[in-house]
C-alpha atoms as a PDB file:
ATOM      1  CA  SER A   1      -6.669 -28.286  15.385  1.00  0.00           C
ATOM      2  CA  VAL A   2      -6.566 -31.517  13.419  1.00  0.00           C
ATOM      3  CA  SER A   3     -10.280 -31.365  12.606  1.00  0.00           C
ATOM      4  CA  ALA A   4      -9.984 -27.800  11.345  1.00  0.00           C
ATOM      5  CA  ARG A   5      -7.063 -28.707   9.091  1.00  0.00           C
ATOM      6  CA  LEU A   6      -8.954 -31.725   7.744  1.00  0.00           C
ATOM      7  CA  THR A   7     -12.032 -29.601   7.089  1.00  0.00           C
ATOM      8  CA  TYR A   8      -9.954 -26.970   5.292  1.00  0.00           C
ATOM      9  CA  SER A   9      -8.227 -29.653   3.243  1.00  0.00           C
ATOM     10  CA  TYR A  10     -11.560 -31.188   2.261  1.00  0.00           C
ATOM     11  CA  ILE A  11     -13.059 -27.839   1.254  1.00  0.00           C
ATOM     12  CA  ARG A  12      -9.937 -26.912  -0.746  1.00  0.00           C
ATOM     13  CA  THR A  13      -9.894 -30.283  -2.531  1.00  0.00           C
ATOM     14  CA  PHE A  14     -13.601 -30.011  -3.302  1.00  0.00           C
ATOM     15  CA  ALA A  15     -13.183 -26.491  -4.681  1.00  0.00           C
ATOM     16  CA  MET A  16     -10.248 -27.515  -6.876  1.00  0.00           C
ATOM     17  CA  ASP A  17     -12.195 -30.499  -8.163  1.00  0.00           C
ATOM     18  CA  ARG A  18     -15.126 -28.261  -9.086  1.00  0.00           C
ATOM     19  CA  GLN A  19     -12.780 -25.853 -10.868  1.00  0.00           C
ATOM     20  CA  LEU A  20     -11.205 -28.686 -12.853  1.00  0.00           C
ATOM     21  CA  GLN A  21     -14.632 -30.025 -13.793  1.00  0.00           C
ATOM     22  CA  HIS A  22     -15.775 -26.563 -14.869  1.00  0.00           C
ATOM     23  CA  GLY A  23     -12.568 -25.987 -16.812  1.00  0.00           C
ATOM     24  CA  GLY A  24     -12.892 -29.342 -18.525  1.00  0.00           C
ATOM     25  CA  SER A  25     -16.505 -28.694 -19.488  1.00  0.00           C
ATOM     26  CA  LEU A  26     -15.564 -25.229 -20.770  1.00  0.00           C
ATOM     27  CA  LEU A  27     -12.789 -26.616 -22.964  1.00  0.00           C
ATOM     28  CA  ALA A  28     -15.086 -29.361 -24.226  1.00  0.00           C
ATOM     29  CA  ASP A  29     -17.757 -26.787 -25.067  1.00  0.00           C
ATOM     30  CA  VAL A  30     -15.256 -24.567 -26.889  1.00  0.00           C
ATOM     31  CA  TRP A  31     -13.878 -27.523 -28.854  1.00  0.00           C
ATOM     32  CA  SER A  32     -17.380 -28.593 -29.887  1.00  0.00           C
ATOM     33  CA  LYS A  33     -17.996 -25.092 -31.254  1.00  0.00           C
ATOM     34  CA  GLN A  34     -14.588 -24.149 -32.656  1.00  0.00           C
ATOM     35  CA  GLY A  35     -12.678 -27.399 -33.003  1.00  0.00           C
ATOM     36  CA  ASP A  36     -13.508 -27.685 -36.692  1.00  0.00           C
ATOM     37  CA  VAL A  37     -12.438 -24.081 -37.271  1.00  0.00           C
ATOM     38  CA  PHE A  38      -9.161 -24.732 -35.451  1.00  0.00           C
ATOM     39  CA  LEU A  39      -8.480 -27.772 -37.639  1.00  0.00           C
ATOM     40  CA  VAL A  40      -9.310 -25.843 -40.820  1.00  0.00           C
ATOM     41  CA  TYR A  41      -7.026 -22.925 -39.941  1.00  0.00           C
ATOM     42  CA  SER A  42      -4.225 -25.290 -38.944  1.00  0.00           C
ATOM     43  CA  GLY A  43      -4.697 -27.551 -41.966  1.00  0.00           C
ATOM     44  CA  VAL A  44      -4.808 -24.750 -44.528  1.00  0.00           C
ATOM     45  CA  GLN A  45      -1.615 -23.187 -43.157  1.00  0.00           C
ATOM     46  CA  ALA A  46       0.170 -26.541 -42.963  1.00  0.00           C
ATOM     47  CA  VAL A  47      -0.717 -27.385 -46.564  1.00  0.00           C
ATOM     48  CA  ALA A  48       0.171 -23.871 -47.746  1.00  0.00           C
ATOM     49  CA  PHE A  49       3.548 -24.091 -46.039  1.00  0.00           C
ATOM     50  CA  ALA A  50       4.227 -27.499 -47.585  1.00  0.00           C
ATOM     51  CA  VAL A  51       3.520 -26.008 -51.016  1.00  0.00           C
ATOM     52  CA  VAL A  52       5.748 -22.939 -50.554  1.00  0.00           C
ATOM     53  CA  LEU A  53       8.515 -25.106 -49.078  1.00  0.00           C
ATOM     54  CA  VAL A  54       8.516 -27.272 -52.198  1.00  0.00           C
ATOM     55  CA  LEU A  55       8.471 -24.160 -54.403  1.00  0.00           C
ATOM     56  CA  ALA A  56      11.350 -22.649 -52.416  1.00  0.00           C
ATOM     57  CA  LYS A  57      13.456 -25.760 -53.002  1.00  0.00           C
ATOM     58  CA  LEU A  58      12.588 -25.849 -56.710  1.00  0.00           C
ATOM     59  CA  LEU A  59      12.988 -22.147 -57.484  1.00  0.00           C
ATOM     60  CA  TRP A  60      15.914 -21.383 -55.185  1.00  0.00           C
ATOM     61  CA  PRO A  61      17.796 -24.673 -54.834  1.00  0.00           C
ATOM     62  CA  ASP A  62      20.981 -22.951 -53.658  1.00  0.00           C
ATOM     63  CA  HIS A  63      19.378 -21.016 -50.817  1.00  0.00           C
ATOM     64  CA  LYS A  64      20.999 -21.738 -47.447  1.00  0.00           C
ATOM     65  CA  ASP A  65      17.733 -22.205 -45.497  1.00  0.00           C
ATOM     66  CA  HIS A  66      14.666 -23.350 -47.416  1.00  0.00           C
ATOM     67  CA  TRP A  67      12.555 -23.635 -44.265  1.00  0.00           C
ATOM     68  CA  ALA A  68      13.188 -19.980 -43.403  1.00  0.00           C
ATOM     69  CA  LEU A  69      12.481 -18.964 -46.992  1.00  0.00           C
ATOM     70  CA  GLY A  70       9.229 -20.921 -47.049  1.00  0.00           C
ATOM     71  CA  ASP A  71       8.287 -19.380 -43.715  1.00  0.00           C
ATOM     72  CA  ALA A  72       8.879 -15.862 -45.075  1.00  0.00           C
ATOM     73  CA  LEU A  73       6.902 -16.553 -48.250  1.00  0.00           C
ATOM     74  CA  LEU A  74       3.934 -17.815 -46.247  1.00  0.00           C
ATOM     75  CA  SER A  75       4.273 -14.874 -43.853  1.00  0.00           C
ATOM     76  CA  ALA A  76       3.892 -12.507 -46.806  1.00  0.00           C
ATOM     77  CA  VAL A  77       0.263 -13.666 -46.956  1.00  0.00           C
ATOM     78  CA  VAL A  78      -0.520 -14.511 -43.327  1.00  0.00           C
ATOM     79  CA  TYR A  79       0.621 -11.296 -41.652  1.00  0.00           C
ATOM     80  CA  PRO A  80      -1.186  -8.811 -43.936  1.00  0.00           C
ATOM     81  CA  ALA A  81      -4.361 -10.836 -43.375  1.00  0.00           C
ATOM     82  CA  MET A  82      -3.697 -10.841 -39.633  1.00  0.00           C
ATOM     83  CA  VAL A  83      -3.164  -7.070 -39.551  1.00  0.00           C
ATOM     84  CA  TYR A  84      -6.345  -6.432 -41.522  1.00  0.00           C
ATOM     85  CA  LEU A  85      -8.387  -8.570 -39.118  1.00  0.00           C
ATOM     86  CA  ALA A  86      -6.790  -6.909 -36.075  1.00  0.00           C
ATOM     87  CA  ILE A  87      -7.498  -3.374 -37.308  1.00  0.00           C
ATOM     88  CA  SER A  88     -11.032  -4.199 -38.411  1.00  0.00           C
ATOM     89  CA  ALA A  89     -11.921  -5.910 -35.135  1.00  0.00           C
ATOM     90  CA  THR A  90     -10.335  -3.174 -33.014  1.00  0.00           C
ATOM     91  CA  TRP A  91     -12.382  -0.524 -34.793  1.00  0.00           C
ATOM     92  CA  SER A  92     -15.620  -2.523 -34.487  1.00  0.00           C
ATOM     93  CA  LEU A  93     -15.156  -3.258 -30.777  1.00  0.00           C
ATOM     94  CA  SER A  94     -13.932   0.175 -29.647  1.00  0.00           C
ATOM     95  CA  SER A  95     -17.307   1.843 -29.193  1.00  0.00           C
ATOM     96  CA  ASP A  96     -18.041   1.145 -25.494  1.00  0.00           C
ATOM     97  CA  VAL A  97     -16.744  -0.556 -22.365  1.00  0.00           C
ATOM     98  CA  HIS A  98     -18.857  -3.700 -22.817  1.00  0.00           C
ATOM     99  CA  SER A  99     -17.622  -4.195 -26.373  1.00  0.00           C
ATOM    100  CA  ARG A 100     -14.012  -3.707 -25.355  1.00  0.00           C
ATOM    101  CA  TRP A 101     -14.191  -6.332 -22.610  1.00  0.00           C
ATOM    102  CA  GLN A 102     -16.802  -8.831 -23.787  1.00  0.00           C
ATOM    103  CA  GLY A 103     -17.499  -8.018 -27.420  1.00  0.00           C
ATOM    104  CA  VAL A 104     -16.805 -10.532 -30.190  1.00  0.00           C
ATOM    105  CA  THR A 105     -16.941 -10.131 -33.962  1.00  0.00           C
ATOM    106  CA  ASP A 106     -16.255 -12.467 -36.860  1.00  0.00           C
ATOM    107  CA  GLU A 107     -13.012 -10.573 -37.473  1.00  0.00           C
ATOM    108  CA  SER A 108     -11.862 -10.824 -33.853  1.00  0.00           C
ATOM    109  CA  ASN A 109     -12.606 -14.547 -33.806  1.00  0.00           C
ATOM    110  CA  SER A 110     -10.722 -15.007 -37.062  1.00  0.00           C
ATOM    111  CA  PHE A 111      -7.760 -12.978 -35.831  1.00  0.00           C
ATOM    112  CA  ALA A 112      -7.502 -14.899 -32.559  1.00  0.00           C
ATOM    113  CA  MET A 113      -7.760 -18.263 -34.296  1.00  0.00           C
ATOM    114  CA  LEU A 114      -5.243 -17.282 -36.978  1.00  0.00           C
ATOM    115  CA  TYR A 115      -2.809 -15.995 -34.359  1.00  0.00           C
ATOM    116  CA  VAL A 116      -3.117 -19.097 -32.188  1.00  0.00           C
ATOM    117  CA  THR A 117      -2.740 -21.580 -35.048  1.00  0.00           C
ATOM    118  CA  ARG A 118       0.104 -19.602 -36.596  1.00  0.00           C
ATOM    119  CA  SER A 119       1.995 -19.552 -33.276  1.00  0.00           C
ATOM    120  CA  LEU A 120       1.407 -23.265 -32.747  1.00  0.00           C
ATOM    121  CA  LEU A 121       2.557 -24.245 -36.233  1.00  0.00           C
ATOM    122  CA  HIS A 122       5.552 -21.942 -36.115  1.00  0.00           C
ATOM    123  CA  LEU A 123       6.864 -23.757 -33.046  1.00  0.00           C
ATOM    124  CA  GLY A 124       7.546 -26.695 -35.352  1.00  0.00           C
ATOM    125  CA  MET A 125       8.629 -24.636 -38.349  1.00  0.00           C
ATOM    126  CA  GLN A 126      11.296 -22.707 -36.467  1.00  0.00           C
ATOM    127  CA  ALA A 127      12.800 -25.939 -35.144  1.00  0.00           C
ATOM    128  CA  MET A 128      13.745 -26.816 -38.734  1.00  0.00           C
ATOM    129  CA  GLN A 129      15.348 -23.453 -39.502  1.00  0.00           C
ATOM    130  CA  ASP A 130      18.987 -22.487 -39.218  1.00  0.00           C
ATOM    131  CA  MET A 131      18.300 -20.243 -36.231  1.00  0.00           C
ATOM    132  CA  ASN A 132      20.586 -18.882 -33.540  1.00  0.00           C
ATOM    133  CA  TRP A 133      19.983 -20.764 -30.275  1.00  0.00           C
ATOM    134  CA  ASN A 134      19.264 -17.599 -28.263  1.00  0.00           C
ATOM    135  CA  LEU A 135      16.765 -16.427 -30.872  1.00  0.00           C
ATOM    136  CA  PHE A 136      15.169 -19.876 -30.898  1.00  0.00           C
ATOM    137  CA  ILE A 137      14.636 -19.728 -27.123  1.00  0.00           C
ATOM    138  CA  LEU A 138      13.198 -16.211 -27.292  1.00  0.00           C
ATOM    139  CA  MET A 139      10.856 -17.131 -30.143  1.00  0.00           C
ATOM    140  CA  THR A 140       9.703 -20.259 -28.323  1.00  0.00           C
ATOM    141  CA  VAL A 141       8.902 -18.264 -25.175  1.00  0.00           C
ATOM    142  CA  HIS A 142       7.111 -15.683 -27.323  1.00  0.00           C
ATOM    143  CA  HIS A 143       4.969 -18.338 -29.018  1.00  0.00           C
ATOM    144  CA  VAL A 144       4.093 -20.098 -25.755  1.00  0.00           C
ATOM    145  CA  LEU A 145       3.039 -16.822 -24.119  1.00  0.00           C
ATOM    146  CA  SER A 146       1.061 -15.904 -27.244  1.00  0.00           C
ATOM    147  CA  LEU A 147      -0.744 -19.237 -27.155  1.00  0.00           C
ATOM    148  CA  LEU A 148      -1.662 -18.719 -23.503  1.00  0.00           C
ATOM    149  CA  CYS A 149      -2.801 -15.113 -23.924  1.00  0.00           C
ATOM    150  CA  PHE A 150      -4.652 -15.320 -27.223  1.00  0.00           C
ATOM    151  CA  GLY A 151      -5.806 -18.862 -26.536  1.00  0.00           C
ATOM    152  CA  SER A 152      -7.602 -17.627 -23.427  1.00  0.00           C
ATOM    153  CA  GLY A 153      -9.499 -15.191 -25.644  1.00  0.00           C
ATOM    154  CA  VAL A 154     -10.540 -18.028 -27.941  1.00  0.00           C
ATOM    155  CA  VAL A 155     -11.672 -20.152 -24.979  1.00  0.00           C
ATOM    156  CA  THR A 156     -13.498 -17.480 -22.973  1.00  0.00           C
ATOM    157  CA  GLY A 157     -14.680 -15.179 -25.759  1.00  0.00           C
ATOM    158  CA  ARG A 158     -13.578 -12.154 -23.752  1.00  0.00           C
ATOM    159  CA  MET A 159     -11.142  -9.251 -24.187  1.00  0.00           C
ATOM    160  CA  HIS A 160     -11.061  -9.653 -27.966  1.00  0.00           C
ATOM    161  CA  PHE A 161     -10.683  -5.900 -28.396  1.00  0.00           C
ATOM    162  CA  TRP A 162      -7.490  -5.843 -26.336  1.00  0.00           C
ATOM    163  CA  GLY A 163      -6.044  -8.867 -28.116  1.00  0.00           C
ATOM    164  CA  CYS A 164      -6.754  -7.374 -31.536  1.00  0.00           C
ATOM    165  CA  PHE A 165      -5.490  -3.961 -30.441  1.00  0.00           C
ATOM    166  CA  ALA A 166      -2.230  -5.604 -29.384  1.00  0.00           C
ATOM    167  CA  GLY A 167      -2.200  -7.557 -32.647  1.00  0.00           C
ATOM    168  CA  ILE A 168      -1.954  -4.348 -34.680  1.00  0.00           C
ATOM    169  CA  CYS A 169       1.734  -4.307 -33.705  1.00  0.00           C
ATOM    170  CA  GLU A 170       2.202  -7.107 -36.248  1.00  0.00           C
ATOM    171  CA  THR A 171       2.022  -4.380 -38.899  1.00  0.00           C
ATOM    172  CA  SER A 172       5.768  -3.939 -38.490  1.00  0.00           C
ATOM    173  CA  THR A 173       6.238  -7.661 -39.152  1.00  0.00           C
ATOM    174  CA  VAL A 174       4.827  -7.200 -42.657  1.00  0.00           C
ATOM    175  CA  PHE A 175       7.536  -4.704 -43.595  1.00  0.00           C
ATOM    176  CA  LEU A 176      10.279  -6.546 -41.733  1.00  0.00           C
ATOM    177  CA  ASN A 177       9.380  -9.698 -43.631  1.00  0.00           C
ATOM    178  CA  ASN A 178       9.527  -7.720 -46.893  1.00  0.00           C
ATOM    179  CA  ILE A 179      13.084  -6.610 -46.111  1.00  0.00           C
ATOM    180  CA  TRP A 180      14.123 -10.210 -45.550  1.00  0.00           C
ATOM    181  CA  LEU A 181      12.522 -11.308 -48.849  1.00  0.00           C
ATOM    182  CA  PHE A 182      14.049  -8.389 -50.784  1.00  0.00           C
ATOM    183  CA  LYS A 183      17.506  -9.585 -49.776  1.00  0.00           C
ATOM    184  CA  GLU A 184      17.086 -13.366 -49.656  1.00  0.00           C
ATOM    185  CA  ILE A 185      15.183 -13.989 -52.900  1.00  0.00           C
ATOM    186  CA  SER A 186      17.385 -13.907 -55.965  1.00  0.00           C
ATOM    187  CA  ILE A 187      16.378 -13.885 -59.623  1.00  0.00           C
ATOM    188  CA  ARG A 188      19.036 -14.756 -62.201  1.00  0.00           C
ATOM    189  CA  GLY A 189      21.726 -14.196 -59.618  1.00  0.00           C
ATOM    190  CA  ARG A 190      20.478 -10.783 -58.553  1.00  0.00           C
ATOM    191  CA  PRO A 191      18.586  -9.969 -55.325  1.00  0.00           C
ATOM    192  CA  PHE A 192      14.889  -9.302 -55.707  1.00  0.00           C
ATOM    193  CA  GLN A 193      15.449  -5.775 -54.406  1.00  0.00           C
ATOM    194  CA  SER A 194      17.427  -4.845 -57.532  1.00  0.00           C
ATOM    195  CA  TYR A 195      14.349  -5.425 -59.725  1.00  0.00           C
ATOM    196  CA  LEU A 196      12.191  -3.005 -57.730  1.00  0.00           C
ATOM    197  CA  PRO A 197      11.852   0.754 -58.285  1.00  0.00           C
ATOM    198  CA  GLY A 198      14.387   2.651 -56.162  1.00  0.00           C
ATOM    199  CA  TRP A 199      11.712   4.174 -53.895  1.00  0.00           C
ATOM    200  CA  VAL A 200      10.157   0.848 -52.808  1.00  0.00           C
ATOM    201  CA  TYR A 201      12.868  -0.228 -50.372  1.00  0.00           C
ATOM    202  CA  PRO A 202      13.133   3.162 -48.561  1.00  0.00           C
ATOM    203  CA  LEU A 203       9.334   3.413 -48.358  1.00  0.00           C
ATOM    204  CA  ASN A 204       9.143  -0.088 -46.896  1.00  0.00           C
ATOM    205  CA  GLY A 205      11.806   0.864 -44.339  1.00  0.00           C
ATOM    206  CA  LEU A 206       9.921   4.046 -43.430  1.00  0.00           C
ATOM    207  CA  CYS A 207       6.711   2.054 -42.884  1.00  0.00           C
ATOM    208  CA  LEU A 208       8.648  -0.348 -40.678  1.00  0.00           C
ATOM    209  CA  TRP A 209       9.646   2.431 -38.278  1.00  0.00           C
ATOM    210  CA  LEU A 210       6.395   4.440 -38.287  1.00  0.00           C
END
């Protein structure tokens, strides 16, 4: 009947309004607690990238893509830190069911915030790089999904164990980034790889595939 449809519509609208109000208050509460941390993480990475970008242009003026080089140089610091936090938090939160689903540690908070801010900043950084269009689309989708997934952990404070456990996969990124730097950085006209002991490159490759 018409009255039944109107009643259903009213109840549905009321419920959605309550959900929006709750969601808004939740986001406001999270921002009041972690907004400063978010700004610090974002600001430090933005400043660090600006510094390495300038250094990349000064030290390797002939490189074909200074934005990609600066990105890789910054990644050489960010990803090892990210992996350490992920492993540490996963170990700390693995003891019981409650910890795995609702547990939070300083390391898990730091990992989630670092991952979210890194993904957000990299959306802008990759737009300046000489990147294949298909790869650009895939990376953009990856970053957006990462922001949604890991951002929900930052907002709700739940499932940190699972986010950090998944984050351990970034270990391979450390060694993949090394390979890129070995080949792209040149010193006196020779690739950086040629200055390293012969066993370093194979060992790095082995760690990449472990």
